[in-house]
Amino acid sequence: MGFTKSKSDTSLFIYKQGQNIVYLLLYVDDIVLTASTSALLRRTIDALQLEFSMKDLGPLHHFLGISVHQHQDGLFLSQRQYILDIVERAVMSEGKPCSTPVDTHAKVPADIGPPVSDPTHYKSLAGALHYLTFTRPDISYAVQQICLHMHDSREPHLSAVKRVIQYLCGTLNYGLLLHRGTTSELTVYTNADWASPPSHKHQRPLHKLDWMVSQDIQASDLQHLMCASTDSIEVCKPRLTLS
């Protein structure tokens, strides 16, 4: 049909027809399809149905545990039900919500406290929270700190997991709004100092990166953006090849 595989994501396929473009995201037998015009989208769906046995489920509502709500300003992505599943798995349905995902005063070292009684349970909760960061970037730092201790989980680290879950209990309706727009600007912020744990010895200044990106970026070129540590970014003059 003329689709080409994305160089940065093996699940993403792109079809270009003049100034028009179609994106096809494939996961096992689930497909998310979008196009620059409704007519092109319809023609693409019809062509796919001629080639494969498939059913058009209409506008996107749910994909891989992520709920999609269409608004006038864009798409609102939410994992509310997924959060409720995490809360149930952690046996914290009756837990008291808190206002922040981390304790803003205490910084937990890596080797303090007794080991957790069930390391598998800790890893399960950490992995579930990590997937949640797709639509909840507000917990990204806290989850990153939790995942640092999966190899040697201790009770203070488990308390940090529970703190994140308590925060989620009070922010069930939070999500990610993807605004409509014509710009391809990607803005990245990173702060390497204000919340770093004692085990992090190297600090980096705050960086703000503005990239103008096209539809696809070669994965090899992204390697020029090197991570100096888990909560800082060192910019090594990344060379971005746009296609």
Protein backbone atom coordinates (compact mmCIF):
# COMPACT_ATOMS: atom_id res chain seq x y z
CA MET A 1 0.00 0.00 0.00
CA GLY A 2 3.01 2.27 0.16
CA PHE A 3 3.52 2.53 3.94
CA THR A 4 7.08 2.86 5.18
CA LYS A 5 8.27 1.87 8.65
CA SER A 6 9.32 4.67 10.96
CA LYS A 7 13.01 4.81 11.71
CA SER A 8 12.35 5.72 15.36
CA ASP A 9 9.45 3.36 16.20
CA THR A 10 9.02 -0.08 14.65
CA SER A 11 5.29 -0.04 15.46
CA LEU A 12 4.66 3.16 13.48
CA PHE A 13 4.09 3.16 9.70
CA ILE A 14 3.84 6.27 7.54
CA TYR A 15 2.27 6.86 4.15
CA LYS A 16 2.79 10.10 2.22
CA GLN A 17 0.76 11.32 -0.74
CA GLY A 18 1.88 14.76 -1.83
CA GLN A 19 1.24 17.09 1.08
CA ASN A 20 -1.03 14.57 2.81
CA ILE A 21 0.13 11.97 5.30
CA VAL A 22 -1.23 8.89 7.08
CA TYR A 23 0.05 7.46 10.36
CA LEU A 24 -0.64 3.83 11.30
CA LEU A 25 0.27 2.60 14.78
CA LEU A 26 0.18 -1.19 15.11
CA TYR A 27 0.28 -3.30 18.27
CA VAL A 28 -0.40 -7.03 17.72
CA ASP A 29 -3.93 -6.89 16.24
CA ASP A 30 -4.85 -3.36 17.37
CA ILE A 31 -4.44 -0.44 14.98
CA VAL A 32 -4.65 3.32 15.51
CA LEU A 33 -4.99 5.18 12.23
CA THR A 34 -5.02 8.90 11.51
CA ALA A 35 -4.61 11.03 8.40
CA SER A 36 -4.31 14.66 7.43
CA THR A 37 -7.74 14.61 5.71
CA SER A 38 -10.95 12.70 6.35
CA ALA A 39 -11.15 11.60 2.72
CA LEU A 40 -7.65 10.12 2.81
CA LEU A 41 -8.45 8.38 6.09
CA ARG A 42 -11.56 6.80 4.57
CA ARG A 43 -9.68 5.63 1.48
CA THR A 44 -6.96 4.13 3.67
CA ILE A 45 -9.46 2.23 5.80
CA ASP A 46 -11.19 0.86 2.70
CA ALA A 47 -7.87 -0.24 1.21
CA LEU A 48 -6.83 -1.98 4.43
CA GLN A 49 -10.16 -3.81 4.63
CA LEU A 50 -9.56 -5.15 1.11
CA GLU A 51 -6.19 -6.55 2.18
CA PHE A 52 -6.99 -7.76 5.69
CA SER A 53 -9.93 -9.03 7.74
CA MET A 54 -10.52 -6.09 10.04
CA LYS A 55 -13.29 -4.05 11.64
CA ASP A 56 -13.54 -0.27 11.82
CA LEU A 57 -14.36 0.61 15.44
CA GLY A 58 -14.80 4.31 14.70
CA PRO A 59 -13.13 7.21 16.53
CA LEU A 60 -10.40 6.25 18.99
CA HIS A 61 -11.67 5.72 22.54
CA HIS A 62 -9.31 3.22 24.16
CA PHE A 63 -5.87 1.81 23.32
CA LEU A 64 -3.53 -0.29 25.47
CA GLY A 65 -5.13 0.77 28.74
CA ILE A 66 -5.27 4.43 27.76
CA SER A 67 -8.65 6.13 27.43
CA VAL A 68 -8.94 8.78 24.73
CA HIS A 69 -11.50 11.57 24.96
CA GLN A 70 -11.89 13.93 22.03
CA HIS A 71 -12.31 17.62 22.86
CA GLN A 72 -12.52 20.72 20.75
CA ASP A 73 -8.97 21.62 21.76
CA GLY A 74 -7.47 18.18 21.12
CA LEU A 75 -7.25 14.72 22.69
CA PHE A 76 -7.33 14.03 26.42
CA LEU A 77 -5.48 10.85 27.40
CA SER A 78 -6.28 9.23 30.73
CA GLN A 79 -5.47 6.00 32.59
CA ARG A 80 -8.02 6.35 35.38
CA GLN A 81 -9.09 2.70 35.37
CA TYR A 82 -5.47 1.61 35.24
CA ILE A 83 -4.79 3.70 38.36
CA LEU A 84 -7.70 2.05 40.16
CA ASP A 85 -6.22 -1.35 39.27
CA ILE A 86 -2.87 -0.29 40.75
CA VAL A 87 -4.56 0.93 43.92
CA GLU A 88 -6.37 -2.39 44.28
CA ARG A 89 -3.17 -4.35 43.63
CA ALA A 90 -1.43 -2.36 46.37
CA VAL A 91 -4.39 -2.93 48.74
CA MET A 92 -4.71 0.82 49.28
CA SER A 93 -8.34 1.45 48.35
CA GLU A 94 -8.92 3.02 51.76
CA GLY A 95 -5.70 5.03 51.67
CA LYS A 96 -5.69 8.75 52.41
CA PRO A 97 -4.80 10.91 49.38
CA CYS A 98 -1.83 13.29 49.58
CA SER A 99 -1.05 16.45 47.63
CA THR A 100 2.39 15.56 46.24
CA PRO A 101 3.89 12.33 44.80
CA VAL A 102 7.07 12.67 46.88
CA ASP A 103 8.05 13.87 50.31
CA THR A 104 9.52 17.29 49.58
CA HIS A 105 11.74 17.20 52.66
CA ALA A 106 13.10 13.69 53.12
CA LYS A 107 15.58 12.24 50.63
CA VAL A 108 15.89 8.46 50.90
CA PRO A 109 19.40 6.98 50.51
CA ALA A 110 19.80 3.69 48.66
CA ASP A 111 20.95 1.54 51.60
CA ILE A 112 18.77 2.64 54.52
CA GLY A 113 16.13 0.39 56.13
CA PRO A 114 15.38 -3.34 56.05
CA PRO A 115 14.71 -5.14 52.73
CA VAL A 116 11.08 -5.40 51.63
CA SER A 117 9.38 -8.69 52.47
CA ASP A 118 8.16 -9.21 48.87
CA PRO A 119 10.58 -7.84 46.23
CA THR A 120 8.41 -9.21 43.41
CA HIS A 121 5.45 -7.16 44.62
CA TYR A 122 7.63 -4.05 44.75
CA LYS A 123 8.83 -4.61 41.18
CA SER A 124 5.27 -5.22 40.00
CA LEU A 125 4.05 -1.92 41.45
CA ALA A 126 7.10 -0.05 40.14
CA GLY A 127 6.54 -1.42 36.63
CA ALA A 128 2.87 -0.53 36.71
CA LEU A 129 3.65 3.02 37.82
CA HIS A 130 6.27 3.32 35.10
CA TYR A 131 3.68 2.55 32.41
CA LEU A 132 1.39 5.14 33.96
CA THR A 133 3.91 7.91 33.26
CA PHE A 134 2.78 7.90 29.61
CA THR A 135 -0.19 10.05 30.60
CA ARG A 136 1.01 11.20 34.03
CA PRO A 137 4.32 13.01 33.56
CA ASP A 138 3.77 14.63 36.97
CA ILE A 139 4.89 11.39 38.64
CA SER A 140 7.83 10.71 36.31
CA TYR A 141 10.54 11.83 38.72
CA ALA A 142 9.06 9.96 41.68
CA VAL A 143 8.67 6.76 39.65
CA GLN A 144 12.19 7.08 38.28
CA GLN A 145 13.52 7.20 41.84
CA ILE A 146 11.43 4.15 42.76
CA CYS A 147 12.76 2.17 39.79
CA LEU A 148 16.36 2.92 40.80
CA HIS A 149 15.94 0.60 43.78
CA MET A 150 14.30 -2.41 42.13
CA HIS A 151 17.49 -4.46 42.56
CA ASP A 152 17.68 -3.78 46.30
CA SER A 153 14.25 -2.64 47.49
CA ARG A 154 13.97 -1.53 51.09
CA GLU A 155 11.08 -0.46 53.28
CA PRO A 156 11.67 3.30 52.81
CA HIS A 157 11.52 2.71 49.05
CA LEU A 158 8.22 0.87 49.45
CA SER A 159 6.95 3.84 51.45
CA ALA A 160 7.86 6.02 48.46
CA VAL A 161 5.78 3.72 46.23
CA LYS A 162 2.83 4.06 48.57
CA ARG A 163 3.28 7.83 48.61
CA VAL A 164 2.90 7.95 44.82
CA ILE A 165 -0.20 5.76 44.99
CA GLN A 166 -1.69 8.01 47.67
CA TYR A 167 -1.11 10.97 45.36
CA LEU A 168 -2.80 9.11 42.50
CA CYS A 169 -5.83 8.41 44.69
CA GLY A 170 -6.43 12.14 44.92
CA THR A 171 -5.73 12.87 41.24
CA LEU A 172 -7.64 10.12 39.46
CA ASN A 173 -9.00 12.47 36.82
CA TYR A 174 -5.63 13.92 35.83
CA GLY A 175 -4.32 13.11 32.36
CA LEU A 176 -2.52 14.44 29.34
CA LEU A 177 -4.10 16.90 26.89
CA LEU A 178 -2.66 16.88 23.39
CA HIS A 179 -3.54 20.25 21.90
CA ARG A 180 -4.36 20.81 18.27
CA GLY A 181 -1.70 22.76 16.42
CA THR A 182 0.40 23.05 13.31
CA THR A 183 3.84 23.40 14.88
CA SER A 184 6.25 20.51 15.30
CA GLU A 185 8.19 22.11 18.13
CA LEU A 186 9.40 19.77 20.84
CA THR A 187 10.34 21.41 24.15
CA VAL A 188 12.25 19.46 26.80
CA TYR A 189 12.86 20.61 30.37
CA THR A 190 15.10 18.96 32.92
CA ASN A 191 16.07 19.87 36.46
CA ALA A 192 19.06 18.03 37.89
CA ASP A 193 19.40 19.45 41.36
CA TRP A 194 16.39 20.46 43.44
CA ALA A 195 15.10 16.97 44.25
CA SER A 196 18.20 14.82 43.83
CA PRO A 197 18.84 12.10 46.42
CA PRO A 198 22.08 12.00 48.44
CA SER A 199 23.40 9.14 46.27
CA HIS A 200 23.62 11.47 43.25
CA LYS A 201 26.98 13.20 43.38
CA HIS A 202 27.06 14.92 40.02
CA GLN A 203 24.76 17.83 39.32
CA ARG A 204 24.01 19.54 36.04
CA PRO A 205 22.47 22.94 35.31
CA LEU A 206 18.94 23.40 34.02
CA HIS A 207 18.60 23.01 30.27
CA LYS A 208 15.77 23.97 27.93
CA LEU A 209 15.92 22.41 24.51
CA ASP A 210 13.80 23.58 21.59
CA TRP A 211 13.80 21.34 18.56
CA MET A 212 11.93 21.81 15.33
CA VAL A 213 11.26 18.27 14.20
CA SER A 214 9.60 16.82 11.12
CA GLN A 215 7.52 13.66 10.93
CA ASP A 216 10.38 11.29 11.64
CA ILE A 217 13.81 11.37 13.31
CA GLN A 218 16.43 8.69 12.83
CA ALA A 219 16.96 6.75 16.05
CA SER A 220 20.73 6.74 15.53
CA ASP A 221 20.77 10.54 15.58
CA LEU A 222 18.88 10.65 18.86
CA GLN A 223 21.81 8.86 20.45
CA HIS A 224 23.72 12.12 20.27
CA LEU A 225 21.57 13.35 23.16
CA MET A 226 23.43 11.71 26.03
CA CYS A 227 22.12 11.26 29.57
CA ALA A 228 24.78 12.26 32.07
CA SER A 229 22.72 10.81 34.94
CA THR A 230 19.20 9.65 35.64
CA ASP A 231 17.85 13.13 36.34
CA SER A 232 19.97 15.37 34.13
CA ILE A 233 20.68 15.81 30.45
CA GLU A 234 23.98 16.75 28.93
CA VAL A 235 23.61 18.28 25.48
CA CYS A 236 26.25 17.05 23.06
CA LYS A 237 25.21 19.14 20.05
CA PRO A 238 22.72 16.56 18.77
CA ARG A 239 22.62 16.19 15.01
CA LEU A 240 18.99 15.59 14.01
CA THR A 241 18.42 14.18 10.55
CA LEU A 242 14.87 14.91 9.46
CA SER A 243 13.09 12.82 6.87
